Amino acid sequence: MTAPRYRIDPDDPRAPPLELWQQLSPSERARIVAELPSELELGPPEGDAHRIPKQRALEALDTFFKRAGRRVYLSSELPVYYPGERMFAPDLIAVLDVEPHERASWVVAQEGRGLDFALEVTLSGSRRKDLQDNVARFAALGIPEYFVFERLARRIHGYRLVEAGAAYAPIVPQRGRWSSNVLGLEIGVEDQRFRFYIGSAVVPEANELVERAHQLAGQLQERVAELELLLERAEQRADQQRELVQQAEQRVQLERELAQQAEQRVQLERREREQAEQRLRELERELEQLRRGSGDG
């Protein structure tokens, strides 16, 4: 028997119940997913007090898990469709160990799993929804952890599923921090800001990483300038050393030439002395002959 065509109510869009989903063909499932709204109607303006904390949290987690080499899908205000349930869109969601590609919505039946972590940033108008309605609903849906950041009061509420069933138990903070078993991080408020921690170190936000990169770039430029100066001075010293070596070589050459000239003079004097000695011997022989000749006469 062919399953009836599933129609989406534009005023209350929902994914089909799981029993019906299992009866649908792949093409019918693809049609339903494509027709589920991926954009939300804007509610009352919330301003930067709501936007900035969730944006910073998303960027901090995204950078952290990318550096850790772990595949984690993160999104903000993404429509989430549990089978047969009313659509909702938390301020931040996390699903571990899945491909973090772009999505128009998170359809649990299509993805094969629900959310692992949800976060809401609460302002004065959403406190009842986030701290009462969502606590009961997210527990019933089986979302392992749910956190709420009360932006104006700078307070955090953490909830974790108890082992016995679909109910939340409050997470008791330790030293002012709430542990997230799902994320493997701790959560707290620092300088009136929602922050993640790993051990004693805070997980840096994107703007902090950019600022740190600028600082490192500035330090690197200063170091490069120092090295260039040192190189220039080293080259100057090398030039001076080369000039000294050249002068020393010239002195050595001059001394070698002087030594050669001195040796030549010594040889010349030796020849002149030998010639003089030979001439003296010749004169002595001549004198001796004269003496003999005179004696014979």
C-alpha atoms as a PDB file:
ATOM      1  CA  MET A   1       0.000   0.000   0.000  1.00  0.00           C
ATOM      2  CA  THR A   2       1.409   3.389  -1.003  1.00  0.00           C
ATOM      3  CA  ALA A   3       1.786   5.883   1.822  1.00  0.00           C
ATOM      4  CA  PRO A   4      -0.375   8.994   1.451  1.00  0.00           C
ATOM      5  CA  ARG A   5       1.329  12.158   0.252  1.00  0.00           C
ATOM      6  CA  TYR A   6       2.531  14.069   3.292  1.00  0.00           C
ATOM      7  CA  ARG A   7       1.563  17.728   3.305  1.00  0.00           C
ATOM      8  CA  ILE A   8       3.302  20.374   5.398  1.00  0.00           C
ATOM      9  CA  ASP A   9       1.201  22.883   7.290  1.00  0.00           C
ATOM     10  CA  PRO A  10       2.794  26.289   6.597  1.00  0.00           C
ATOM     11  CA  ASP A  11       1.469  27.593   9.930  1.00  0.00           C
ATOM     12  CA  ASP A  12       2.920  24.656  11.872  1.00  0.00           C
ATOM     13  CA  PRO A  13       5.588  22.926   9.773  1.00  0.00           C
ATOM     14  CA  ARG A  14       6.559  19.500  11.067  1.00  0.00           C
ATOM     15  CA  ALA A  15       8.501  16.508   9.837  1.00  0.00           C
ATOM     16  CA  PRO A  16       6.431  13.333   9.464  1.00  0.00           C
ATOM     17  CA  PRO A  17       6.141  10.950  12.422  1.00  0.00           C
ATOM     18  CA  LEU A  18       8.820   8.272  12.353  1.00  0.00           C
ATOM     19  CA  GLU A  19       6.395   5.482  11.421  1.00  0.00           C
ATOM     20  CA  LEU A  20       5.267   7.420   8.352  1.00  0.00           C
ATOM     21  CA  TRP A  21       8.809   8.477   7.458  1.00  0.00           C
ATOM     22  CA  GLN A  22       9.877   4.847   7.309  1.00  0.00           C
ATOM     23  CA  GLN A  23       7.140   4.153   4.749  1.00  0.00           C
ATOM     24  CA  LEU A  24       8.126   7.002   2.422  1.00  0.00           C
ATOM     25  CA  SER A  25      10.215   6.593  -0.693  1.00  0.00           C
ATOM     26  CA  PRO A  26      13.562   8.386  -0.939  1.00  0.00           C
ATOM     27  CA  SER A  27      12.122  10.859  -3.422  1.00  0.00           C
ATOM     28  CA  GLU A  28       9.159  11.646  -1.149  1.00  0.00           C
ATOM     29  CA  ARG A  29      11.521  12.131   1.815  1.00  0.00           C
ATOM     30  CA  ALA A  30      13.669  14.473  -0.274  1.00  0.00           C
ATOM     31  CA  ARG A  31      10.573  16.450  -1.264  1.00  0.00           C
ATOM     32  CA  ILE A  32       9.476  16.857   2.331  1.00  0.00           C
ATOM     33  CA  VAL A  33      12.922  17.956   3.500  1.00  0.00           C
ATOM     34  CA  ALA A  34      13.097  20.494   0.682  1.00  0.00           C
ATOM     35  CA  GLU A  35       9.666  21.881   1.568  1.00  0.00           C
ATOM     36  CA  LEU A  36      10.296  22.197   5.308  1.00  0.00           C
ATOM     37  CA  PRO A  37      10.941  25.905   6.011  1.00  0.00           C
ATOM     38  CA  SER A  38      14.601  26.743   6.492  1.00  0.00           C
ATOM     39  CA  GLU A  39      14.025  30.369   7.435  1.00  0.00           C
ATOM     40  CA  LEU A  40      12.314  31.704  10.521  1.00  0.00           C
ATOM     41  CA  GLU A  41       9.936  34.578  10.816  1.00  0.00           C
ATOM     42  CA  LEU A  42      11.669  37.299  12.778  1.00  0.00           C
ATOM     43  CA  GLY A  43      10.303  37.899  16.234  1.00  0.00           C
ATOM     44  CA  PRO A  44      10.699  41.052  18.297  1.00  0.00           C
ATOM     45  CA  PRO A  45      14.107  42.680  17.863  1.00  0.00           C
ATOM     46  CA  GLU A  46      16.601  41.385  20.424  1.00  0.00           C
ATOM     47  CA  GLY A  47      19.691  43.417  19.586  1.00  0.00           C
ATOM     48  CA  ASP A  48      23.349  42.827  20.307  1.00  0.00           C
ATOM     49  CA  ALA A  49      22.747  41.565  23.851  1.00  0.00           C
ATOM     50  CA  HIS A  50      21.288  38.425  22.300  1.00  0.00           C
ATOM     51  CA  ARG A  51      23.326  38.181  19.094  1.00  0.00           C
ATOM     52  CA  ILE A  52      26.849  38.660  20.429  1.00  0.00           C
ATOM     53  CA  PRO A  53      26.955  35.885  23.107  1.00  0.00           C
ATOM     54  CA  LYS A  54      25.646  33.167  20.788  1.00  0.00           C
ATOM     55  CA  GLN A  55      27.851  34.343  17.913  1.00  0.00           C
ATOM     56  CA  ARG A  56      30.950  34.299  20.113  1.00  0.00           C
ATOM     57  CA  ALA A  57      30.041  30.901  21.550  1.00  0.00           C
ATOM     58  CA  LEU A  58      29.546  29.439  18.073  1.00  0.00           C
ATOM     59  CA  GLU A  59      32.832  30.833  16.768  1.00  0.00           C
ATOM     60  CA  ALA A  60      34.764  29.698  19.854  1.00  0.00           C
ATOM     61  CA  LEU A  61      33.463  26.125  19.591  1.00  0.00           C
ATOM     62  CA  ASP A  62      33.956  26.013  15.833  1.00  0.00           C
ATOM     63  CA  THR A  63      37.596  27.068  16.147  1.00  0.00           C
ATOM     64  CA  PHE A  64      38.204  24.740  19.099  1.00  0.00           C
ATOM     65  CA  PHE A  65      36.886  21.603  17.409  1.00  0.00           C
ATOM     66  CA  LYS A  66      38.586  22.382  14.100  1.00  0.00           C
ATOM     67  CA  ARG A  67      41.920  22.729  15.883  1.00  0.00           C
ATOM     68  CA  ALA A  68      41.184  19.491  17.772  1.00  0.00           C
ATOM     69  CA  GLY A  69      40.496  17.731  14.451  1.00  0.00           C
ATOM     70  CA  ARG A  70      37.029  16.578  15.500  1.00  0.00           C
ATOM     71  CA  ARG A  71      33.992  16.693  13.213  1.00  0.00           C
ATOM     72  CA  VAL A  72      31.278  18.617  15.029  1.00  0.00           C
ATOM     73  CA  TYR A  73      28.289  20.276  13.403  1.00  0.00           C
ATOM     74  CA  LEU A  74      27.482  23.641  14.933  1.00  0.00           C
ATOM     75  CA  SER A  75      24.788  26.104  14.000  1.00  0.00           C
ATOM     76  CA  SER A  76      22.756  28.997  15.342  1.00  0.00           C
ATOM     77  CA  GLU A  77      18.983  29.384  15.029  1.00  0.00           C
ATOM     78  CA  LEU A  78      18.801  26.483  12.588  1.00  0.00           C
ATOM     79  CA  PRO A  79      15.301  25.001  12.223  1.00  0.00           C
ATOM     80  CA  VAL A  80      15.267  21.582  13.931  1.00  0.00           C
ATOM     81  CA  TYR A  81      12.624  19.013  13.025  1.00  0.00           C
ATOM     82  CA  TYR A  82      12.077  16.011  15.282  1.00  0.00           C
ATOM     83  CA  PRO A  83       9.573  13.479  13.874  1.00  0.00           C
ATOM     84  CA  GLY A  84       6.050  14.801  14.313  1.00  0.00           C
ATOM     85  CA  GLU A  85       7.225  17.557  16.667  1.00  0.00           C
ATOM     86  CA  ARG A  86       6.837  21.305  16.451  1.00  0.00           C
ATOM     87  CA  MET A  87       9.841  22.942  14.858  1.00  0.00           C
ATOM     88  CA  PHE A  88      12.281  24.840  17.108  1.00  0.00           C
ATOM     89  CA  ALA A  89      15.559  26.695  16.559  1.00  0.00           C
ATOM     90  CA  PRO A  90      17.930  27.006  19.543  1.00  0.00           C
ATOM     91  CA  ASP A  91      20.444  29.824  19.683  1.00  0.00           C
ATOM     92  CA  LEU A  92      23.222  27.241  19.411  1.00  0.00           C
ATOM     93  CA  ILE A  93      23.227  23.518  18.637  1.00  0.00           C
ATOM     94  CA  ALA A  94      25.999  20.935  18.479  1.00  0.00           C
ATOM     95  CA  VAL A  95      25.980  17.422  17.027  1.00  0.00           C
ATOM     96  CA  LEU A  96      29.154  15.418  17.503  1.00  0.00           C
ATOM     97  CA  ASP A  97      31.010  13.304  14.956  1.00  0.00           C
ATOM     98  CA  VAL A  98      29.005  14.254  11.865  1.00  0.00           C
ATOM     99  CA  GLU A  99      30.002  16.049   8.697  1.00  0.00           C
ATOM    100  CA  PRO A 100      29.914  19.814   9.381  1.00  0.00           C
ATOM    101  CA  HIS A 101      28.672  20.788   5.920  1.00  0.00           C
ATOM    102  CA  GLU A 102      26.094  23.525   5.379  1.00  0.00           C
ATOM    103  CA  ARG A 103      22.508  22.613   6.112  1.00  0.00           C
ATOM    104  CA  ALA A 104      19.195  24.398   5.596  1.00  0.00           C
ATOM    105  CA  SER A 105      17.671  22.554   8.568  1.00  0.00           C
ATOM    106  CA  TRP A 106      18.305  19.612  10.848  1.00  0.00           C
ATOM    107  CA  VAL A 107      15.768  16.886  10.096  1.00  0.00           C
ATOM    108  CA  VAL A 108      16.324  14.177  12.679  1.00  0.00           C
ATOM    109  CA  ALA A 109      14.821  11.344  10.607  1.00  0.00           C
ATOM    110  CA  GLN A 110      17.009  12.251   7.649  1.00  0.00           C
ATOM    111  CA  GLU A 111      20.197  12.752   9.700  1.00  0.00           C
ATOM    112  CA  GLY A 112      19.595   9.604  11.713  1.00  0.00           C
ATOM    113  CA  ARG A 113      20.162  11.321  15.049  1.00  0.00           C
ATOM    114  CA  GLY A 114      19.042  14.222  17.178  1.00  0.00           C
ATOM    115  CA  LEU A 115      20.919  17.075  18.825  1.00  0.00           C
ATOM    116  CA  ASP A 116      23.641  16.454  21.392  1.00  0.00           C
ATOM    117  CA  PHE A 117      23.764  19.938  22.870  1.00  0.00           C
ATOM    118  CA  ALA A 118      21.555  23.030  22.869  1.00  0.00           C
ATOM    119  CA  LEU A 119      22.117  26.516  24.235  1.00  0.00           C
ATOM    120  CA  GLU A 120      19.731  29.409  24.631  1.00  0.00           C
ATOM    121  CA  VAL A 121      20.662  32.998  25.452  1.00  0.00           C
ATOM    122  CA  THR A 122      17.848  34.324  27.599  1.00  0.00           C
ATOM    123  CA  LEU A 123      16.697  37.903  27.796  1.00  0.00           C
ATOM    124  CA  SER A 124      13.780  39.204  29.818  1.00  0.00           C
ATOM    125  CA  GLY A 125      11.152  38.233  27.242  1.00  0.00           C
ATOM    126  CA  SER A 126      12.200  34.599  26.748  1.00  0.00           C
ATOM    127  CA  ARG A 127      12.942  33.481  30.301  1.00  0.00           C
ATOM    128  CA  ARG A 128       9.810  31.334  30.770  1.00  0.00           C
ATOM    129  CA  LYS A 129      10.244  29.598  27.413  1.00  0.00           C
ATOM    130  CA  ASP A 130      13.925  28.875  27.931  1.00  0.00           C
ATOM    131  CA  LEU A 131      13.939  27.983  31.628  1.00  0.00           C
ATOM    132  CA  GLN A 132      10.648  26.088  31.848  1.00  0.00           C
ATOM    133  CA  ASP A 133       9.139  25.035  28.534  1.00  0.00           C
ATOM    134  CA  ASN A 134      12.404  24.061  26.859  1.00  0.00           C
ATOM    135  CA  VAL A 135      13.640  22.168  29.918  1.00  0.00           C
ATOM    136  CA  ALA A 136      10.667  19.819  29.743  1.00  0.00           C
ATOM    137  CA  ARG A 137      10.556  19.637  25.946  1.00  0.00           C
ATOM    138  CA  PHE A 138      14.274  19.094  25.266  1.00  0.00           C
ATOM    139  CA  ALA A 139      14.427  16.393  27.935  1.00  0.00           C
ATOM    140  CA  ALA A 140      11.467  14.626  26.354  1.00  0.00           C
ATOM    141  CA  LEU A 141      13.186  14.805  22.958  1.00  0.00           C
ATOM    142  CA  GLY A 142      16.281  13.177  24.454  1.00  0.00           C
ATOM    143  CA  ILE A 143      18.749  16.035  23.953  1.00  0.00           C
ATOM    144  CA  PRO A 144      21.598  15.004  26.314  1.00  0.00           C
ATOM    145  CA  GLU A 145      22.524  18.517  27.505  1.00  0.00           C
ATOM    146  CA  TYR A 146      20.837  21.882  27.554  1.00  0.00           C
ATOM    147  CA  PHE A 147      22.314  25.155  28.808  1.00  0.00           C
ATOM    148  CA  VAL A 148      20.779  28.558  29.329  1.00  0.00           C
ATOM    149  CA  PHE A 149      22.737  31.790  29.669  1.00  0.00           C
ATOM    150  CA  GLU A 150      20.779  34.550  31.362  1.00  0.00           C
ATOM    151  CA  ARG A 151      22.433  37.463  29.625  1.00  0.00           C
ATOM    152  CA  LEU A 152      21.184  40.282  31.854  1.00  0.00           C
ATOM    153  CA  ALA A 153      21.675  38.432  35.146  1.00  0.00           C
ATOM    154  CA  ARG A 154      24.983  36.846  33.992  1.00  0.00           C
ATOM    155  CA  ARG A 155      23.812  33.441  35.216  1.00  0.00           C
ATOM    156  CA  ILE A 156      24.123  29.971  33.718  1.00  0.00           C
ATOM    157  CA  HIS A 157      21.746  27.044  34.048  1.00  0.00           C
ATOM    158  CA  GLY A 158      22.842  23.588  32.931  1.00  0.00           C
ATOM    159  CA  TYR A 159      20.753  20.437  32.506  1.00  0.00           C
ATOM    160  CA  ARG A 160      21.737  16.861  31.716  1.00  0.00           C
ATOM    161  CA  LEU A 161      19.593  13.811  31.020  1.00  0.00           C
ATOM    162  CA  VAL A 162      19.427  11.400  33.917  1.00  0.00           C
ATOM    163  CA  GLU A 163      20.158   7.776  33.158  1.00  0.00           C
ATOM    164  CA  ALA A 164      16.722   6.533  34.157  1.00  0.00           C
ATOM    165  CA  GLY A 165      14.696   8.301  31.469  1.00  0.00           C
ATOM    166  CA  ALA A 166      13.716  11.414  29.600  1.00  0.00           C
ATOM    167  CA  ALA A 167      14.160  13.914  32.429  1.00  0.00           C
ATOM    168  CA  TYR A 168      16.767  16.548  33.134  1.00  0.00           C
ATOM    169  CA  ALA A 169      18.795  16.928  36.299  1.00  0.00           C
ATOM    170  CA  PRO A 170      20.427  20.294  37.006  1.00  0.00           C
ATOM    171  CA  ILE A 171      24.183  20.368  36.551  1.00  0.00           C
ATOM    172  CA  VAL A 172      25.772  21.480  39.810  1.00  0.00           C
ATOM    173  CA  PRO A 173      28.575  23.986  39.202  1.00  0.00           C
ATOM    174  CA  GLN A 174      32.040  23.354  40.581  1.00  0.00           C
ATOM    175  CA  ARG A 175      34.144  26.421  41.403  1.00  0.00           C
ATOM    176  CA  GLY A 176      31.761  28.574  39.390  1.00  0.00           C
ATOM    177  CA  ARG A 177      31.817  26.384  36.280  1.00  0.00           C
ATOM    178  CA  TRP A 178      29.335  23.974  34.737  1.00  0.00           C
ATOM    179  CA  SER A 179      30.774  20.857  33.101  1.00  0.00           C
ATOM    180  CA  SER A 180      29.557  19.753  29.675  1.00  0.00           C
ATOM    181  CA  ASN A 181      30.152  16.045  29.183  1.00  0.00           C
ATOM    182  CA  VAL A 182      29.012  16.357  25.578  1.00  0.00           C
ATOM    183  CA  LEU A 183      31.514  19.045  24.610  1.00  0.00           C
ATOM    184  CA  GLY A 184      34.249  17.920  26.972  1.00  0.00           C
ATOM    185  CA  LEU A 185      34.486  21.505  28.209  1.00  0.00           C
ATOM    186  CA  GLU A 186      33.444  23.605  31.169  1.00  0.00           C
ATOM    187  CA  ILE A 187      31.196  26.642  30.930  1.00  0.00           C
ATOM    188  CA  GLY A 188      31.264  29.786  33.020  1.00  0.00           C
ATOM    189  CA  VAL A 189      30.919  33.555  33.071  1.00  0.00           C
ATOM    190  CA  GLU A 190      34.052  35.666  32.877  1.00  0.00           C
ATOM    191  CA  ASP A 191      34.046  39.462  32.692  1.00  0.00           C
ATOM    192  CA  GLN A 192      30.270  39.264  32.255  1.00  0.00           C
ATOM    193  CA  ARG A 193      30.723  36.992  29.222  1.00  0.00           C
ATOM    194  CA  PHE A 194      29.713  33.404  28.503  1.00  0.00           C
ATOM    195  CA  ARG A 195      32.933  31.379  28.129  1.00  0.00           C
ATOM    196  CA  PHE A 196      34.131  27.836  27.483  1.00  0.00           C
ATOM    197  CA  TYR A 197      37.121  26.362  29.331  1.00  0.00           C
ATOM    198  CA  ILE A 198      39.380  23.386  28.855  1.00  0.00           C
ATOM    199  CA  GLY A 199      41.132  22.701  32.124  1.00  0.00           C
ATOM    200  CA  SER A 200      42.285  26.043  33.483  1.00  0.00           C
ATOM    201  CA  ALA A 201      42.520  27.670  30.050  1.00  0.00           C
ATOM    202  CA  VAL A 202      39.739  29.637  28.431  1.00  0.00           C
ATOM    203  CA  VAL A 203      38.767  28.642  24.896  1.00  0.00           C
ATOM    204  CA  PRO A 204      39.578  31.760  22.865  1.00  0.00           C
ATOM    205  CA  GLU A 205      36.915  33.480  20.819  1.00  0.00           C
ATOM    206  CA  ALA A 206      37.411  34.397  17.181  1.00  0.00           C
ATOM    207  CA  ASN A 207      38.063  38.075  17.882  1.00  0.00           C
ATOM    208  CA  GLU A 208      40.627  37.109  20.526  1.00  0.00           C
ATOM    209  CA  LEU A 209      42.374  34.827  18.057  1.00  0.00           C
ATOM    210  CA  VAL A 210      42.416  37.645  15.496  1.00  0.00           C
ATOM    211  CA  GLU A 211      43.796  40.051  18.095  1.00  0.00           C
ATOM    212  CA  ARG A 212      46.390  37.478  19.138  1.00  0.00           C
ATOM    213  CA  ALA A 213      47.307  36.942  15.491  1.00  0.00           C
ATOM    214  CA  HIS A 214      47.746  40.714  15.061  1.00  0.00           C
ATOM    215  CA  GLN A 215      49.935  40.817  18.159  1.00  0.00           C
ATOM    216  CA  LEU A 216      52.019  37.898  16.919  1.00  0.00           C
ATOM    217  CA  ALA A 217      52.261  39.541  13.506  1.00  0.00           C
ATOM    218  CA  GLY A 218      53.417  42.779  15.149  1.00  0.00           C
ATOM    219  CA  GLN A 219      55.942  40.902  17.261  1.00  0.00           C
ATOM    220  CA  LEU A 220      57.093  39.023  14.175  1.00  0.00           C
ATOM    221  CA  GLN A 221      57.541  42.278  12.272  1.00  0.00           C
ATOM    222  CA  GLU A 222      59.537  43.703  15.161  1.00  0.00           C
ATOM    223  CA  ARG A 223      61.657  40.554  15.252  1.00  0.00           C
ATOM    224  CA  VAL A 224      62.174  40.698  11.494  1.00  0.00           C
ATOM    225  CA  ALA A 225      63.252  44.350  11.826  1.00  0.00           C
ATOM    226  CA  GLU A 226      65.662  43.365  14.613  1.00  0.00           C
ATOM    227  CA  LEU A 227      67.063  40.534  12.508  1.00  0.00           C
ATOM    228  CA  GLU A 228      67.420  42.824   9.501  1.00  0.00           C
ATOM    229  CA  LEU A 229      69.325  45.311  11.670  1.00  0.00           C
ATOM    230  CA  LEU A 230      71.518  42.530  13.034  1.00  0.00           C
ATOM    231  CA  LEU A 231      72.082  41.275   9.500  1.00  0.00           C
ATOM    232  CA  GLU A 232      73.008  44.754   8.327  1.00  0.00           C
ATOM    233  CA  ARG A 233      75.465  45.123  11.200  1.00  0.00           C
ATOM    234  CA  ALA A 234      76.857  41.662  10.505  1.00  0.00           C
ATOM    235  CA  GLU A 235      77.329  42.582   6.849  1.00  0.00           C
ATOM    236  CA  GLN A 236      79.081  45.790   7.881  1.00  0.00           C
ATOM    237  CA  ARG A 237      81.361  43.799  10.180  1.00  0.00           C
ATOM    238  CA  ALA A 238      81.941  41.304   7.388  1.00  0.00           C
ATOM    239  CA  ASP A 239      82.848  44.164   5.047  1.00  0.00           C
ATOM    240  CA  GLN A 240      85.238  45.510   7.660  1.00  0.00           C
ATOM    241  CA  GLN A 241      86.720  42.042   8.140  1.00  0.00           C
ATOM    242  CA  ARG A 242      87.075  41.619   4.389  1.00  0.00           C
ATOM    243  CA  GLU A 243      88.816  44.997   4.182  1.00  0.00           C
ATOM    244  CA  LEU A 244      91.155  44.035   7.042  1.00  0.00           C
ATOM    245  CA  VAL A 245      91.868  40.709   5.368  1.00  0.00           C
ATOM    246  CA  GLN A 246      92.558  42.503   2.100  1.00  0.00           C
ATOM    247  CA  GLN A 247      94.906  44.919   3.873  1.00  0.00           C
ATOM    248  CA  ALA A 248      96.619  42.004   5.612  1.00  0.00           C
ATOM    249  CA  GLU A 249      97.009  40.221   2.282  1.00  0.00           C
ATOM    250  CA  GLN A 250      98.481  43.363   0.799  1.00  0.00           C
ATOM    251  CA  ARG A 251     100.937  43.612   3.725  1.00  0.00           C
ATOM    252  CA  VAL A 252     101.837  39.968   3.314  1.00  0.00           C
ATOM    253  CA  GLN A 253     102.376  40.527  -0.410  1.00  0.00           C
ATOM    254  CA  LEU A 254     104.507  43.573   0.308  1.00  0.00           C
ATOM    255  CA  GLU A 255     106.526  41.709   2.907  1.00  0.00           C
ATOM    256  CA  ARG A 256     106.936  38.811   0.453  1.00  0.00           C
ATOM    257  CA  GLU A 257     108.220  41.232  -2.203  1.00  0.00           C
ATOM    258  CA  LEU A 258     110.568  42.866   0.316  1.00  0.00           C
ATOM    259  CA  ALA A 259     111.806  39.443   1.352  1.00  0.00           C
ATOM    260  CA  GLN A 260     112.400  38.527  -2.288  1.00  0.00           C
ATOM    261  CA  GLN A 261     114.299  41.804  -2.809  1.00  0.00           C
ATOM    262  CA  ALA A 262     116.349  41.166   0.325  1.00  0.00           C
ATOM    263  CA  GLU A 263     117.112  37.653  -0.864  1.00  0.00           C
ATOM    264  CA  GLN A 264     118.152  39.019  -4.229  1.00  0.00           C
ATOM    265  CA  ARG A 265     120.446  41.531  -2.505  1.00  0.00           C
ATOM    266  CA  VAL A 266     121.946  38.760  -0.404  1.00  0.00           C
ATOM    267  CA  GLN A 267     122.578  36.650  -3.491  1.00  0.00           C
ATOM    268  CA  LEU A 268     124.097  39.640  -5.290  1.00  0.00           C
ATOM    269  CA  GLU A 269     126.332  40.411  -2.318  1.00  0.00           C
ATOM    270  CA  ARG A 270     127.313  36.738  -2.148  1.00  0.00           C
ATOM    271  CA  ARG A 271     128.293  36.725  -5.837  1.00  0.00           C
ATOM    272  CA  GLU A 272     130.186  40.006  -5.436  1.00  0.00           C
ATOM    273  CA  ARG A 273     132.001  38.587  -2.403  1.00  0.00           C
ATOM    274  CA  GLU A 274     132.836  35.406  -4.261  1.00  0.00           C
ATOM    275  CA  GLN A 275     134.081  37.422  -7.218  1.00  0.00           C
ATOM    276  CA  ALA A 276     136.142  39.626  -4.883  1.00  0.00           C
ATOM    277  CA  GLU A 277     137.599  36.588  -3.151  1.00  0.00           C
ATOM    278  CA  GLN A 278     138.457  35.008  -6.489  1.00  0.00           C
ATOM    279  CA  ARG A 279     140.075  38.232  -7.665  1.00  0.00           C
ATOM    280  CA  LEU A 280     142.009  38.390  -4.420  1.00  0.00           C
ATOM    281  CA  ARG A 281     143.320  34.871  -4.941  1.00  0.00           C
ATOM    282  CA  GLU A 282     144.307  35.717  -8.474  1.00  0.00           C
ATOM    283  CA  LEU A 283     146.178  38.788  -7.264  1.00  0.00           C
ATOM    284  CA  GLU A 284     147.894  36.734  -4.614  1.00  0.00           C
ATOM    285  CA  ARG A 285     148.997  34.206  -7.237  1.00  0.00           C
ATOM    286  CA  GLU A 286     150.284  36.986  -9.495  1.00  0.00           C
ATOM    287  CA  LEU A 287     152.132  38.533  -6.536  1.00  0.00           C
ATOM    288  CA  GLU A 288     153.643  35.171  -5.698  1.00  0.00           C
ATOM    289  CA  GLN A 289     154.798  34.716  -9.269  1.00  0.00           C
ATOM    290  CA  LEU A 290     156.353  38.181  -9.255  1.00  0.00           C
ATOM    291  CA  ARG A 291     158.198  37.387  -6.076  1.00  0.00           C
ATOM    292  CA  ARG A 292     159.549  34.181  -7.507  1.00  0.00           C
ATOM    293  CA  GLY A 293     160.606  35.874 -10.723  1.00  0.00           C
ATOM    294  CA  SER A 294     162.432  38.558  -8.816  1.00  0.00           C
ATOM    295  CA  GLY A 295     164.267  36.006  -6.709  1.00  0.00           C
ATOM    296  CA  ASP A 296     165.472  34.057  -9.717  1.00  0.00           C
ATOM    297  CA  GLY A 297     167.069  37.184 -11.270  1.00  0.00           C
END
